[in-house]
Amino acid sequence: MNKIQAFVLILAAVVVIAGGIVLQTGNAQAGTCPSGGGCGCGTFWAPVVCGGNCRYLNMCKASCAGWVWSQCRDAGGN
């Protein structure tokens, strides 16, 4: 086995392992959060996190998804 074949084999193994890890992590958080689109909100950057894990671009989008201020916190650009 030459060096190129060994490299390709190792690379394939890393891809398979990474894919297995991704599959075991479950759904992305965004899939479990209500959508905040379709309300005519601007795209200004003032991120908020609502309900502990749901991130929105701004409070307007979070409100469209059904959240209120008391359920959200400023994400501080993180």
N, C-alpha and C. Protein backbone atom coordinates (compact mmCIF):
# COMPACT_ATOMS: atom_id res chain seq x y z
N MET A 1 0.85 -1.18 0.00
CA MET A 1 0.00 0.00 0.00
C MET A 1 0.89 1.23 0.00
N ASN A 2 0.67 2.11 -0.96
CA ASN A 2 1.50 3.30 -1.02
C ASN A 2 0.92 4.39 -0.12
N LYS A 3 1.59 5.52 -0.04
CA LYS A 3 1.20 6.59 0.87
C LYS A 3 -0.15 7.20 0.51
N ILE A 4 -0.44 7.31 -0.76
CA ILE A 4 -1.72 7.90 -1.17
C ILE A 4 -2.88 6.99 -0.76
N GLN A 5 -2.72 5.69 -0.96
CA GLN A 5 -3.78 4.76 -0.58
C GLN A 5 -3.99 4.78 0.94
N ALA A 6 -2.91 4.84 1.69
CA ALA A 6 -3.02 4.90 3.15
C ALA A 6 -3.72 6.18 3.58
N PHE A 7 -3.40 7.30 2.95
CA PHE A 7 -4.05 8.58 3.26
C PHE A 7 -5.54 8.52 2.98
N VAL A 8 -5.92 7.98 1.83
CA VAL A 8 -7.33 7.88 1.46
C VAL A 8 -8.06 6.96 2.43
N LEU A 9 -7.45 5.87 2.83
CA LEU A 9 -8.06 4.95 3.78
C LEU A 9 -8.28 5.61 5.13
N ILE A 10 -7.29 6.33 5.61
CA ILE A 10 -7.42 7.03 6.89
C ILE A 10 -8.49 8.12 6.79
N LEU A 11 -8.49 8.86 5.70
CA LEU A 11 -9.48 9.91 5.49
C LEU A 11 -10.90 9.33 5.47
N ALA A 12 -11.08 8.21 4.81
CA ALA A 12 -12.39 7.56 4.75
C ALA A 12 -12.83 7.12 6.15
N ALA A 13 -11.91 6.60 6.93
CA ALA A 13 -12.23 6.17 8.29
C ALA A 13 -12.65 7.36 9.15
N VAL A 14 -11.96 8.48 9.01
CA VAL A 14 -12.31 9.69 9.77
C VAL A 14 -13.71 10.17 9.38
N VAL A 15 -14.02 10.15 8.09
CA VAL A 15 -15.34 10.58 7.63
C VAL A 15 -16.43 9.67 8.18
N VAL A 16 -16.21 8.37 8.18
CA VAL A 16 -17.20 7.43 8.70
C VAL A 16 -17.40 7.64 10.20
N ILE A 17 -16.33 7.84 10.94
CA ILE A 17 -16.43 8.07 12.38
C ILE A 17 -17.16 9.38 12.66
N ALA A 18 -16.81 10.44 11.94
CA ALA A 18 -17.48 11.73 12.13
C ALA A 18 -18.97 11.63 11.80
N GLY A 19 -19.31 10.90 10.75
CA GLY A 19 -20.71 10.70 10.40
C GLY A 19 -21.47 9.96 11.49
N GLY A 20 -20.85 8.98 12.09
CA GLY A 20 -21.47 8.25 13.19
C GLY A 20 -21.73 9.14 14.39
N ILE A 21 -20.78 10.01 14.68
CA ILE A 21 -20.95 10.94 15.80
C ILE A 21 -22.09 11.90 15.52
N VAL A 22 -22.17 12.41 14.31
CA VAL A 22 -23.25 13.33 13.94
C VAL A 22 -24.60 12.64 14.05
N LEU A 23 -24.70 11.41 13.61
CA LEU A 23 -25.97 10.69 13.67
C LEU A 23 -26.42 10.42 15.10
N GLN A 24 -25.48 10.25 16.01
CA GLN A 24 -25.82 9.96 17.40
C GLN A 24 -26.22 11.20 18.18
N THR A 25 -25.91 12.40 17.68
CA THR A 25 -26.24 13.61 18.41
C THR A 25 -27.71 13.97 18.31
N GLY A 26 -28.45 13.38 17.42
CA GLY A 26 -29.88 13.65 17.29
C GLY A 26 -30.15 14.86 16.43
N ASN A 27 -31.38 15.38 16.54
CA ASN A 27 -31.79 16.51 15.73
C ASN A 27 -31.07 17.78 16.14
N ALA A 28 -30.88 18.64 15.18
CA ALA A 28 -30.33 19.96 15.48
C ALA A 28 -31.36 20.73 16.29
N GLN A 29 -30.90 21.60 17.16
CA GLN A 29 -31.80 22.34 18.02
C GLN A 29 -32.80 23.16 17.23
N ALA A 30 -32.38 23.70 16.12
CA ALA A 30 -33.28 24.54 15.33
C ALA A 30 -34.52 23.77 14.90
N GLY A 31 -34.42 22.47 14.73
CA GLY A 31 -35.55 21.67 14.33
C GLY A 31 -36.63 21.56 15.40
N THR A 32 -36.29 21.83 16.65
CA THR A 32 -37.27 21.71 17.73
C THR A 32 -37.80 23.06 18.17
N CYS A 33 -37.33 24.13 17.60
CA CYS A 33 -37.76 25.47 17.97
C CYS A 33 -38.81 25.98 16.99
N PRO A 34 -39.80 26.75 17.50
CA PRO A 34 -40.78 27.32 16.58
C PRO A 34 -40.14 28.33 15.64
N SER A 35 -40.69 28.43 14.44
CA SER A 35 -40.15 29.33 13.44
C SER A 35 -40.50 30.77 13.78
N GLY A 36 -39.57 31.68 13.46
CA GLY A 36 -39.82 33.09 13.71
C GLY A 36 -39.92 33.88 12.42
N GLY A 37 -40.27 33.24 11.33
CA GLY A 37 -40.32 33.93 10.04
C GLY A 37 -41.72 34.35 9.65
N GLY A 38 -41.78 35.17 8.63
CA GLY A 38 -43.05 35.55 8.04
C GLY A 38 -43.80 36.68 8.72
N CYS A 39 -43.15 37.43 9.59
CA CYS A 39 -43.85 38.51 10.30
C CYS A 39 -43.41 39.89 9.83
N GLY A 40 -42.56 39.97 8.87
CA GLY A 40 -42.08 41.26 8.39
C GLY A 40 -41.01 41.88 9.28
N CYS A 41 -40.33 41.07 10.06
CA CYS A 41 -39.27 41.58 10.93
C CYS A 41 -38.05 41.97 10.11
N GLY A 42 -37.32 42.96 10.59
CA GLY A 42 -36.06 43.33 9.96
C GLY A 42 -35.00 42.30 10.23
N THR A 43 -33.87 42.48 9.60
CA THR A 43 -32.76 41.53 9.77
C THR A 43 -31.65 42.11 10.62
N PHE A 44 -31.98 43.09 11.47
CA PHE A 44 -30.94 43.67 12.33
C PHE A 44 -30.46 42.62 13.33
N TRP A 45 -29.17 42.70 13.64
CA TRP A 45 -28.51 41.70 14.47
C TRP A 45 -28.62 42.09 15.94
N ALA A 46 -29.49 41.43 16.67
CA ALA A 46 -29.65 41.61 18.11
C ALA A 46 -30.11 40.26 18.68
N PRO A 47 -29.22 39.26 18.65
CA PRO A 47 -29.62 37.87 18.94
C PRO A 47 -30.19 37.67 20.34
N VAL A 48 -31.18 36.80 20.41
CA VAL A 48 -31.78 36.42 21.68
C VAL A 48 -31.88 34.90 21.74
N VAL A 49 -31.91 34.38 22.95
CA VAL A 49 -32.11 32.95 23.19
C VAL A 49 -33.38 32.83 24.03
N CYS A 50 -34.31 32.03 23.58
CA CYS A 50 -35.59 31.86 24.27
C CYS A 50 -35.78 30.40 24.67
N GLY A 51 -36.37 30.21 25.82
CA GLY A 51 -36.66 28.85 26.27
C GLY A 51 -35.42 28.03 26.53
N GLY A 52 -34.30 28.67 26.72
CA GLY A 52 -33.06 27.97 27.03
C GLY A 52 -32.20 27.62 25.84
N ASN A 53 -32.80 27.24 24.69
CA ASN A 53 -31.99 26.76 23.58
C ASN A 53 -32.35 27.32 22.21
N CYS A 54 -33.46 28.03 22.10
CA CYS A 54 -33.90 28.50 20.79
C CYS A 54 -33.32 29.88 20.51
N ARG A 55 -32.51 29.97 19.45
CA ARG A 55 -31.84 31.22 19.10
C ARG A 55 -32.57 31.90 17.95
N TYR A 56 -32.69 33.23 18.07
CA TYR A 56 -33.33 34.03 17.03
C TYR A 56 -32.47 35.24 16.72
N LEU A 57 -32.59 35.74 15.51
CA LEU A 57 -31.80 36.88 15.06
C LEU A 57 -32.09 38.13 15.89
N ASN A 58 -33.34 38.30 16.29
CA ASN A 58 -33.73 39.44 17.12
C ASN A 58 -35.04 39.11 17.83
N MET A 59 -35.46 39.99 18.73
CA MET A 59 -36.66 39.73 19.52
C MET A 59 -37.92 39.76 18.67
N CYS A 60 -37.92 40.51 17.58
CA CYS A 60 -39.08 40.52 16.69
C CYS A 60 -39.33 39.12 16.15
N LYS A 61 -38.28 38.44 15.69
CA LYS A 61 -38.44 37.08 15.15
C LYS A 61 -38.85 36.11 16.26
N ALA A 62 -38.31 36.31 17.47
CA ALA A 62 -38.70 35.46 18.60
C ALA A 62 -40.17 35.66 18.94
N SER A 63 -40.64 36.91 18.89
CA SER A 63 -42.06 37.20 19.15
C SER A 63 -42.95 36.54 18.11
N CYS A 64 -42.51 36.55 16.86
CA CYS A 64 -43.27 35.89 15.80
C CYS A 64 -43.39 34.39 16.05
N ALA A 65 -42.40 33.83 16.72
CA ALA A 65 -42.41 32.41 17.03
C ALA A 65 -43.22 32.10 18.29
N GLY A 66 -43.72 33.17 18.93
CA GLY A 66 -44.58 32.94 20.09
C GLY A 66 -43.94 33.19 21.45
N TRP A 67 -42.70 33.64 21.48
CA TRP A 67 -42.01 33.91 22.74
C TRP A 67 -42.32 35.32 23.23
N VAL A 68 -42.23 35.53 24.54
CA VAL A 68 -42.36 36.86 25.14
C VAL A 68 -41.04 37.20 25.82
N TRP A 69 -40.84 38.49 26.12
CA TRP A 69 -39.57 38.95 26.69
C TRP A 69 -39.15 38.14 27.92
N SER A 70 -40.10 37.81 28.78
CA SER A 70 -39.77 37.11 30.03
C SER A 70 -39.21 35.70 29.80
N GLN A 71 -39.42 35.17 28.60
CA GLN A 71 -38.93 33.82 28.28
C GLN A 71 -37.59 33.86 27.55
N CYS A 72 -37.10 35.05 27.24
CA CYS A 72 -35.89 35.20 26.43
C CYS A 72 -34.82 35.98 27.18
N ARG A 73 -33.61 35.85 26.67
CA ARG A 73 -32.50 36.64 27.20
C ARG A 73 -31.63 37.09 26.03
N ASP A 74 -30.92 38.16 26.25
CA ASP A 74 -30.00 38.68 25.24
C ASP A 74 -28.87 37.68 25.06
N ALA A 75 -28.59 37.34 23.81
CA ALA A 75 -27.50 36.39 23.54
C ALA A 75 -26.16 37.09 23.50
N GLY A 76 -26.12 38.40 23.55
CA GLY A 76 -24.87 39.14 23.62
C GLY A 76 -23.95 38.93 22.44
N GLY A 77 -24.51 38.60 21.29
CA GLY A 77 -23.67 38.38 20.11
C GLY A 77 -22.99 37.04 20.08
N ASN A 78 -23.28 36.16 21.01
CA ASN A 78 -22.66 34.82 21.06
C ASN A 78 -23.43 33.84 20.23
